[in-house]
Amino acid sequence: MHYTLHHLLLSPFCRKIILAMGELRLDFTLQQELPWERRPDFIAMNPAVTTPVLVADNGLTIADSYAIQEYLCET
């Protein structure tokens, strides 16, 4: 499965998820998000406009680093 991680480079929460995905050797791409730009596509994924947001190629979308880490550990 391929994942896209919407992240903000300066966020320690995003870096935590990037490290976890690297440790698990998952196939993923990074999409830089600037929350202050308030892109409509990003708001549709996460109305709170916070990063990180993980999107799987099967349509699964998970926001919040804690929830993403739980998902990665469980799957």
N, C-alpha and C. Protein backbone atom coordinates (compact mmCIF):
# COMPACT_ATOMS: atom_id res chain seq x y z
N MET A 1 0.85 -1.17 0.00
CA MET A 1 0.00 0.00 0.00
C MET A 1 0.90 1.24 0.00
N HIS A 2 0.47 2.25 -0.71
CA HIS A 2 1.21 3.50 -0.78
C HIS A 2 0.48 4.57 0.04
N TYR A 3 1.25 5.37 0.76
CA TYR A 3 0.71 6.42 1.60
C TYR A 3 1.24 7.78 1.16
N THR A 4 0.45 8.81 1.41
CA THR A 4 0.88 10.19 1.26
C THR A 4 0.75 10.86 2.61
N LEU A 5 1.83 11.45 3.07
CA LEU A 5 1.82 12.13 4.35
C LEU A 5 1.86 13.64 4.11
N HIS A 6 0.79 14.30 4.48
CA HIS A 6 0.72 15.76 4.40
C HIS A 6 1.35 16.27 5.69
N HIS A 7 2.41 17.05 5.55
CA HIS A 7 3.19 17.42 6.72
C HIS A 7 3.65 18.87 6.65
N LEU A 8 4.12 19.35 7.78
CA LEU A 8 4.79 20.64 7.90
C LEU A 8 6.18 20.33 8.42
N LEU A 9 7.19 20.71 7.67
CA LEU A 9 8.56 20.31 7.97
C LEU A 9 9.01 20.69 9.38
N LEU A 10 8.52 21.80 9.91
CA LEU A 10 8.95 22.26 11.23
C LEU A 10 8.25 21.57 12.39
N SER A 11 7.24 20.77 12.11
CA SER A 11 6.45 20.15 13.15
C SER A 11 7.13 18.89 13.70
N PRO A 12 7.36 18.83 15.01
CA PRO A 12 7.94 17.61 15.59
C PRO A 12 6.98 16.42 15.48
N PHE A 13 5.69 16.67 15.44
CA PHE A 13 4.70 15.59 15.31
C PHE A 13 4.82 14.94 13.94
N CYS A 14 5.05 15.76 12.92
CA CYS A 14 5.22 15.23 11.57
C CYS A 14 6.52 14.45 11.45
N ARG A 15 7.58 14.97 12.04
CA ARG A 15 8.86 14.27 12.00
C ARG A 15 8.78 12.93 12.70
N LYS A 16 8.01 12.84 13.76
CA LYS A 16 7.82 11.57 14.47
C LYS A 16 7.19 10.54 13.54
N ILE A 17 6.19 10.95 12.77
CA ILE A 17 5.52 10.02 11.86
C ILE A 17 6.43 9.65 10.69
N ILE A 18 7.20 10.60 10.18
CA ILE A 18 8.14 10.31 9.10
C ILE A 18 9.15 9.26 9.56
N LEU A 19 9.67 9.42 10.77
CA LEU A 19 10.62 8.44 11.31
C LEU A 19 9.97 7.07 11.48
N ALA A 20 8.75 7.05 12.00
CA ALA A 20 8.05 5.77 12.20
C ALA A 20 7.80 5.07 10.87
N MET A 21 7.40 5.82 9.86
CA MET A 21 7.14 5.20 8.55
C MET A 21 8.44 4.70 7.92
N GLY A 22 9.52 5.42 8.14
CA GLY A 22 10.81 4.96 7.64
C GLY A 22 11.27 3.69 8.35
N GLU A 23 11.08 3.64 9.67
CA GLU A 23 11.45 2.44 10.43
C GLU A 23 10.65 1.23 9.98
N LEU A 24 9.38 1.44 9.64
CA LEU A 24 8.53 0.34 9.19
C LEU A 24 8.71 0.02 7.70
N ARG A 25 9.57 0.79 7.03
CA ARG A 25 9.87 0.61 5.61
C ARG A 25 8.61 0.65 4.75
N LEU A 26 7.76 1.63 5.03
CA LEU A 26 6.53 1.79 4.26
C LEU A 26 6.81 2.62 3.01
N ASP A 27 6.01 2.39 1.99
CA ASP A 27 6.09 3.14 0.75
C ASP A 27 5.26 4.41 0.91
N PHE A 28 5.92 5.57 0.95
CA PHE A 28 5.18 6.81 1.15
C PHE A 28 5.85 7.98 0.45
N THR A 29 5.04 8.99 0.17
CA THR A 29 5.54 10.25 -0.35
C THR A 29 5.14 11.35 0.61
N LEU A 30 5.92 12.41 0.58
CA LEU A 30 5.65 13.55 1.45
C LEU A 30 5.03 14.68 0.64
N GLN A 31 4.02 15.30 1.21
CA GLN A 31 3.37 16.46 0.61
C GLN A 31 3.45 17.60 1.62
N GLN A 32 4.26 18.61 1.32
CA GLN A 32 4.40 19.76 2.22
C GLN A 32 3.09 20.54 2.27
N GLU A 33 2.58 20.77 3.46
CA GLU A 33 1.36 21.56 3.66
C GLU A 33 1.71 22.79 4.49
N LEU A 34 1.24 23.91 4.04
CA LEU A 34 1.37 25.15 4.80
C LEU A 34 -0.01 25.51 5.30
N PRO A 35 -0.31 25.19 6.57
CA PRO A 35 -1.68 25.35 7.09
C PRO A 35 -2.23 26.77 6.95
N TRP A 36 -1.38 27.77 6.95
CA TRP A 36 -1.86 29.14 6.83
C TRP A 36 -2.35 29.46 5.42
N GLU A 37 -2.04 28.60 4.44
CA GLU A 37 -2.57 28.80 3.09
C GLU A 37 -4.04 28.35 3.00
N ARG A 38 -4.44 27.44 3.88
CA ARG A 38 -5.83 26.97 3.96
C ARG A 38 -6.35 26.50 2.60
N ARG A 39 -5.63 25.55 1.99
CA ARG A 39 -6.06 24.98 0.71
C ARG A 39 -7.39 24.26 0.89
N PRO A 40 -8.33 24.47 -0.01
CA PRO A 40 -9.64 23.80 0.11
C PRO A 40 -9.53 22.27 0.14
N ASP A 41 -8.61 21.71 -0.63
CA ASP A 41 -8.44 20.24 -0.62
C ASP A 41 -7.96 19.74 0.74
N PHE A 42 -7.07 20.50 1.36
CA PHE A 42 -6.56 20.11 2.67
C PHE A 42 -7.63 20.29 3.74
N ILE A 43 -8.42 21.34 3.65
CA ILE A 43 -9.51 21.57 4.61
C ILE A 43 -10.54 20.44 4.50
N ALA A 44 -10.77 19.94 3.29
CA ALA A 44 -11.71 18.83 3.11
C ALA A 44 -11.19 17.56 3.80
N MET A 45 -9.87 17.36 3.79
CA MET A 45 -9.29 16.19 4.45
C MET A 45 -9.30 16.33 5.96
N ASN A 46 -9.00 17.54 6.44
CA ASN A 46 -8.89 17.78 7.88
C ASN A 46 -9.39 19.19 8.19
N PRO A 47 -10.64 19.34 8.58
CA PRO A 47 -11.21 20.66 8.86
C PRO A 47 -10.47 21.44 9.95
N ALA A 48 -9.72 20.76 10.80
CA ALA A 48 -8.94 21.45 11.83
C ALA A 48 -7.70 22.12 11.24
N VAL A 49 -7.35 21.77 10.01
CA VAL A 49 -6.20 22.33 9.28
C VAL A 49 -4.91 22.15 10.07
N THR A 50 -4.72 20.95 10.62
CA THR A 50 -3.50 20.63 11.35
C THR A 50 -2.76 19.52 10.62
N THR A 51 -1.48 19.45 10.86
CA THR A 51 -0.67 18.40 10.28
C THR A 51 -0.14 17.54 11.42
N PRO A 52 0.16 16.29 11.18
CA PRO A 52 0.17 15.54 9.93
C PRO A 52 -1.20 14.93 9.60
N VAL A 53 -1.35 14.63 8.31
CA VAL A 53 -2.52 13.90 7.82
C VAL A 53 -1.99 12.80 6.91
N LEU A 54 -2.39 11.57 7.19
CA LEU A 54 -1.97 10.41 6.41
C LEU A 54 -3.12 10.00 5.50
N VAL A 55 -2.81 9.84 4.21
CA VAL A 55 -3.81 9.40 3.23
C VAL A 55 -3.28 8.15 2.56
N ALA A 56 -4.05 7.08 2.62
CA ALA A 56 -3.68 5.81 1.97
C ALA A 56 -4.29 5.78 0.58
N ASP A 57 -3.73 4.96 -0.29
CA ASP A 57 -4.24 4.89 -1.66
C ASP A 57 -5.62 4.22 -1.74
N ASN A 58 -6.08 3.62 -0.65
CA ASN A 58 -7.43 3.05 -0.64
C ASN A 58 -8.48 4.06 -0.15
N GLY A 59 -8.05 5.31 0.11
CA GLY A 59 -8.97 6.36 0.51
C GLY A 59 -8.99 6.66 1.99
N LEU A 60 -8.35 5.83 2.79
CA LEU A 60 -8.30 6.05 4.23
C LEU A 60 -7.54 7.33 4.54
N THR A 61 -8.13 8.19 5.38
CA THR A 61 -7.50 9.45 5.78
C THR A 61 -7.50 9.52 7.30
N ILE A 62 -6.31 9.77 7.87
CA ILE A 62 -6.17 9.85 9.32
C ILE A 62 -5.43 11.13 9.67
N ALA A 63 -6.01 11.92 10.56
CA ALA A 63 -5.37 13.14 11.04
C ALA A 63 -4.91 12.92 12.48
N ASP A 64 -3.90 13.67 12.90
CA ASP A 64 -3.34 13.65 14.24
C ASP A 64 -2.26 12.59 14.36
N SER A 65 -1.12 13.00 14.87
CA SER A 65 0.04 12.10 14.93
C SER A 65 -0.20 10.89 15.83
N TYR A 66 -0.94 11.06 16.92
CA TYR A 66 -1.19 9.93 17.81
C TYR A 66 -2.04 8.87 17.09
N ALA A 67 -3.09 9.31 16.41
CA ALA A 67 -3.96 8.37 15.69
C ALA A 67 -3.20 7.70 14.55
N ILE A 68 -2.35 8.43 13.86
CA ILE A 68 -1.56 7.86 12.77
C ILE A 68 -0.60 6.81 13.32
N GLN A 69 0.07 7.13 14.41
CA GLN A 69 1.01 6.18 14.99
C GLN A 69 0.30 4.92 15.47
N GLU A 70 -0.86 5.05 16.07
CA GLU A 70 -1.64 3.87 16.48
C GLU A 70 -2.00 3.02 15.27
N TYR A 71 -2.43 3.65 14.18
CA TYR A 71 -2.79 2.92 12.97
C TYR A 71 -1.57 2.17 12.43
N LEU A 72 -0.43 2.85 12.35
CA LEU A 72 0.78 2.22 11.82
C LEU A 72 1.22 1.04 12.67
N CYS A 73 1.11 1.16 13.97
CA CYS A 73 1.51 0.06 14.87
C CYS A 73 0.56 -1.12 14.78
N GLU A 74 -0.71 -0.86 14.54
CA GLU A 74 -1.70 -1.92 14.50
C GLU A 74 -1.75 -2.65 13.17
N THR A 75 -1.29 -2.01 12.09
CA THR A 75 -1.41 -2.66 10.76
C THR A 75 -0.15 -3.23 10.27
